[in-house]
């Protein structure tokens, strides 16, 4: 859980547009905790959340990080084989 200041939390609870990584973490964590509360604190719910986070990470990498890295390789050259 990101330990951001209470005034930042209040702002984000009204206008959920994060300005930095800590605020983004706070918003995501709040959503996950809301889901956990609604579904019940049990292994299956925690497992669902962990699975979703894993899939989100992989999809974000596939769709946005990897293409960015490929672009930078084209612009700057690859490190190359050792």
N, C-alpha and C. Protein backbone atom coordinates (compact mmCIF):
# COMPACT_ATOMS: atom_id res chain seq x y z
N UNK A 1 0.85 -1.18 0.00
CA UNK A 1 0.00 0.00 0.00
C UNK A 1 0.88 1.23 0.00
N UNK A 2 0.64 2.13 -0.91
CA UNK A 2 1.41 3.38 -0.90
C UNK A 2 0.93 4.28 0.22
N UNK A 3 1.84 4.76 0.96
CA UNK A 3 1.47 5.59 2.10
C UNK A 3 1.58 7.06 1.72
N UNK A 4 0.63 7.49 0.92
CA UNK A 4 0.60 8.88 0.51
C UNK A 4 -0.18 9.68 1.56
N UNK A 5 0.00 10.98 1.52
CA UNK A 5 -0.60 11.86 2.52
C UNK A 5 -2.12 11.85 2.42
N UNK A 6 -2.79 12.05 3.55
CA UNK A 6 -4.27 12.04 3.56
C UNK A 6 -4.89 13.02 2.57
N UNK A 7 -4.29 14.19 2.40
CA UNK A 7 -4.86 15.16 1.45
C UNK A 7 -4.75 14.67 0.01
N UNK A 8 -3.68 13.91 -0.30
CA UNK A 8 -3.57 13.31 -1.63
C UNK A 8 -4.65 12.26 -1.83
N UNK A 9 -4.92 11.47 -0.79
CA UNK A 9 -5.95 10.43 -0.87
C UNK A 9 -7.31 11.06 -1.13
N UNK A 10 -7.62 12.12 -0.40
CA UNK A 10 -8.92 12.79 -0.58
C UNK A 10 -9.07 13.31 -2.00
N UNK A 11 -8.00 13.90 -2.52
CA UNK A 11 -8.02 14.43 -3.90
C UNK A 11 -8.27 13.30 -4.90
N UNK A 12 -7.57 12.19 -4.72
CA UNK A 12 -7.69 11.07 -5.65
C UNK A 12 -9.05 10.37 -5.54
N UNK A 13 -9.61 10.36 -4.34
CA UNK A 13 -10.93 9.74 -4.17
C UNK A 13 -12.00 10.54 -4.92
N UNK A 14 -11.77 11.84 -5.09
CA UNK A 14 -12.72 12.68 -5.84
C UNK A 14 -12.39 12.72 -7.33
N UNK A 15 -11.12 12.73 -7.65
CA UNK A 15 -10.66 12.84 -9.04
C UNK A 15 -9.54 11.83 -9.27
N UNK A 16 -9.90 10.61 -9.67
CA UNK A 16 -8.92 9.52 -9.74
C UNK A 16 -7.98 9.59 -10.95
N UNK A 17 -7.24 10.68 -11.05
CA UNK A 17 -6.23 10.81 -12.09
C UNK A 17 -4.87 10.98 -11.41
N UNK A 18 -4.08 9.92 -11.38
CA UNK A 18 -2.82 9.97 -10.64
C UNK A 18 -1.80 10.88 -11.29
N UNK A 19 -1.00 11.51 -10.44
CA UNK A 19 0.06 12.38 -10.91
C UNK A 19 1.44 11.75 -10.82
N UNK A 20 1.54 10.65 -10.10
CA UNK A 20 2.82 9.96 -9.99
C UNK A 20 2.57 8.49 -9.66
N UNK A 21 3.66 7.73 -9.57
CA UNK A 21 3.56 6.29 -9.35
C UNK A 21 2.91 5.95 -8.01
N UNK A 22 3.18 6.73 -6.98
CA UNK A 22 2.58 6.48 -5.67
C UNK A 22 1.07 6.63 -5.71
N UNK A 23 0.61 7.65 -6.40
CA UNK A 23 -0.83 7.86 -6.52
C UNK A 23 -1.48 6.77 -7.37
N UNK A 24 -0.81 6.35 -8.43
CA UNK A 24 -1.33 5.25 -9.25
C UNK A 24 -1.43 3.98 -8.41
N UNK A 25 -0.40 3.70 -7.62
CA UNK A 25 -0.41 2.54 -6.74
C UNK A 25 -1.56 2.62 -5.75
N UNK A 26 -1.78 3.79 -5.19
CA UNK A 26 -2.88 3.98 -4.25
C UNK A 26 -4.22 3.65 -4.90
N UNK A 27 -4.46 4.17 -6.10
CA UNK A 27 -5.74 3.95 -6.78
C UNK A 27 -5.95 2.47 -7.11
N UNK A 28 -4.91 1.83 -7.60
CA UNK A 28 -5.03 0.40 -7.92
C UNK A 28 -5.28 -0.40 -6.66
N UNK A 29 -4.54 -0.08 -5.60
CA UNK A 29 -4.71 -0.80 -4.34
C UNK A 29 -6.11 -0.62 -3.79
N UNK A 30 -6.66 0.57 -3.89
CA UNK A 30 -8.03 0.81 -3.41
C UNK A 30 -9.03 -0.05 -4.17
N UNK A 31 -8.85 -0.17 -5.48
CA UNK A 31 -9.74 -1.01 -6.28
C UNK A 31 -9.63 -2.47 -5.88
N UNK A 32 -8.41 -2.93 -5.68
CA UNK A 32 -8.20 -4.32 -5.29
C UNK A 32 -8.81 -4.61 -3.92
N UNK A 33 -8.64 -3.70 -2.98
CA UNK A 33 -9.21 -3.89 -1.65
C UNK A 33 -10.73 -3.85 -1.69
N UNK A 34 -11.29 -3.02 -2.55
CA UNK A 34 -12.74 -2.97 -2.70
C UNK A 34 -13.26 -4.31 -3.24
N UNK A 35 -12.56 -4.86 -4.22
CA UNK A 35 -12.94 -6.16 -4.77
C UNK A 35 -12.83 -7.25 -3.70
N UNK A 36 -11.73 -7.22 -2.94
CA UNK A 36 -11.52 -8.20 -1.88
C UNK A 36 -12.63 -8.12 -0.83
N UNK A 37 -13.01 -6.92 -0.48
CA UNK A 37 -14.08 -6.74 0.50
C UNK A 37 -15.41 -7.27 -0.04
N UNK A 38 -15.70 -6.97 -1.30
CA UNK A 38 -16.97 -7.39 -1.90
C UNK A 38 -17.06 -8.90 -2.06
N UNK A 39 -15.95 -9.53 -2.45
CA UNK A 39 -15.94 -10.97 -2.72
C UNK A 39 -15.63 -11.82 -1.49
N UNK A 40 -15.05 -11.20 -0.47
CA UNK A 40 -14.70 -11.93 0.74
C UNK A 40 -13.21 -12.22 0.80
N UNK A 41 -12.67 -12.05 1.99
CA UNK A 41 -11.25 -12.29 2.20
C UNK A 41 -11.03 -13.79 2.37
N UNK A 42 -10.72 -14.41 1.24
CA UNK A 42 -10.48 -15.85 1.22
C UNK A 42 -9.47 -16.16 0.13
N UNK A 43 -8.94 -17.35 0.16
CA UNK A 43 -7.89 -17.73 -0.77
C UNK A 43 -8.32 -17.52 -2.23
N UNK A 44 -9.53 -17.94 -2.57
CA UNK A 44 -9.94 -17.86 -3.98
C UNK A 44 -9.97 -16.42 -4.47
N UNK A 45 -10.40 -15.49 -3.64
CA UNK A 45 -10.43 -14.08 -4.05
C UNK A 45 -9.02 -13.54 -4.19
N UNK A 46 -8.17 -13.85 -3.23
CA UNK A 46 -6.78 -13.40 -3.31
C UNK A 46 -6.12 -13.99 -4.56
N UNK A 47 -6.40 -15.24 -4.86
CA UNK A 47 -5.86 -15.89 -6.05
C UNK A 47 -6.36 -15.20 -7.32
N UNK A 48 -7.64 -14.85 -7.35
CA UNK A 48 -8.19 -14.12 -8.50
C UNK A 48 -7.45 -12.80 -8.71
N UNK A 49 -7.28 -12.06 -7.63
CA UNK A 49 -6.61 -10.76 -7.72
C UNK A 49 -5.18 -10.93 -8.21
N UNK A 50 -4.46 -11.90 -7.65
CA UNK A 50 -3.08 -12.12 -8.08
C UNK A 50 -3.02 -12.52 -9.55
N UNK A 51 -3.98 -13.33 -10.00
CA UNK A 51 -4.03 -13.72 -11.40
C UNK A 51 -4.28 -12.53 -12.32
N UNK A 52 -5.20 -11.69 -11.92
CA UNK A 52 -5.49 -10.49 -12.72
C UNK A 52 -4.26 -9.59 -12.80
N UNK A 53 -3.60 -9.37 -11.66
CA UNK A 53 -2.41 -8.52 -11.66
C UNK A 53 -1.33 -9.10 -12.57
N UNK A 54 -1.18 -10.40 -12.54
CA UNK A 54 -0.20 -11.05 -13.41
C UNK A 54 -0.56 -10.84 -14.88
N UNK A 55 -1.82 -11.03 -15.22
CA UNK A 55 -2.25 -10.84 -16.61
C UNK A 55 -2.12 -9.39 -17.06
N UNK A 56 -2.45 -8.47 -16.18
CA UNK A 56 -2.32 -7.05 -16.50
C UNK A 56 -0.86 -6.70 -16.76
N UNK A 57 0.03 -7.21 -15.93
CA UNK A 57 1.46 -6.96 -16.11
C UNK A 57 1.93 -7.48 -17.46
N UNK A 58 1.56 -8.71 -17.78
CA UNK A 58 1.99 -9.30 -19.04
C UNK A 58 1.41 -8.56 -20.24
N UNK A 59 0.15 -8.21 -20.16
CA UNK A 59 -0.49 -7.50 -21.28
C UNK A 59 0.09 -6.11 -21.46
N UNK A 60 0.36 -5.43 -20.36
CA UNK A 60 0.96 -4.10 -20.46
C UNK A 60 2.34 -4.21 -21.10
N UNK A 61 3.11 -5.18 -20.70
CA UNK A 61 4.43 -5.36 -21.29
C UNK A 61 4.31 -5.67 -22.79
N UNK A 62 3.41 -6.59 -23.13
CA UNK A 62 3.24 -7.00 -24.53
C UNK A 62 2.80 -5.85 -25.41
N UNK A 63 1.83 -5.05 -24.91
CA UNK A 63 1.23 -4.01 -25.75
C UNK A 63 2.01 -2.70 -25.76
N UNK A 64 2.65 -2.34 -24.65
CA UNK A 64 3.27 -1.02 -24.58
C UNK A 64 4.77 -1.04 -24.30
N UNK A 65 5.23 -1.88 -23.39
CA UNK A 65 6.66 -1.87 -23.05
C UNK A 65 7.52 -2.47 -24.16
N UNK A 66 7.15 -3.65 -24.64
CA UNK A 66 7.96 -4.31 -25.67
C UNK A 66 8.05 -3.47 -26.95
N UNK A 67 6.94 -2.92 -27.47
CA UNK A 67 7.07 -2.07 -28.65
C UNK A 67 7.95 -0.84 -28.41
N UNK A 68 7.88 -0.29 -27.21
CA UNK A 68 8.74 0.85 -26.88
C UNK A 68 10.21 0.44 -26.91
N UNK A 69 10.51 -0.71 -26.31
CA UNK A 69 11.88 -1.20 -26.32
C UNK A 69 12.35 -1.47 -27.75
N UNK A 70 11.50 -2.05 -28.58
CA UNK A 70 11.86 -2.30 -29.98
C UNK A 70 12.15 -0.99 -30.71
N UNK A 71 11.35 0.02 -30.45
CA UNK A 71 11.57 1.34 -31.05
C UNK A 71 12.93 1.90 -30.64
N UNK A 72 13.27 1.77 -29.38
CA UNK A 72 14.55 2.30 -28.89
C UNK A 72 15.73 1.51 -29.46
N UNK A 73 15.54 0.20 -29.68
CA UNK A 73 16.59 -0.59 -30.33
C UNK A 73 16.83 -0.07 -31.75
N UNK A 74 15.74 0.21 -32.48
CA UNK A 74 15.87 0.74 -33.84
C UNK A 74 16.55 2.11 -33.82
N UNK A 75 16.19 2.95 -32.86
CA UNK A 75 16.77 4.30 -32.79
C UNK A 75 18.23 4.29 -32.36
N UNK A 76 18.56 3.48 -31.37
CA UNK A 76 19.87 3.56 -30.73
C UNK A 76 20.79 2.38 -30.96
N UNK A 77 20.28 1.34 -31.58
CA UNK A 77 21.06 0.14 -31.80
C UNK A 77 20.95 -0.83 -30.64
N UNK A 78 21.08 -2.09 -30.97
CA UNK A 78 20.96 -3.16 -29.97
C UNK A 78 22.27 -3.29 -29.21
N UNK A 79 22.20 -3.89 -28.05
CA UNK A 79 23.41 -4.17 -27.28
C UNK A 79 24.25 -5.19 -28.01
N UNK A 80 23.57 -6.12 -28.66
CA UNK A 80 24.25 -7.10 -29.48
C UNK A 80 24.68 -8.33 -28.70
N UNK A 81 25.12 -9.35 -29.43
CA UNK A 81 25.56 -10.58 -28.76
C UNK A 81 26.89 -10.34 -28.04
N UNK A 82 27.10 -11.11 -27.00
CA UNK A 82 28.37 -11.00 -26.26
C UNK A 82 29.44 -11.87 -26.86
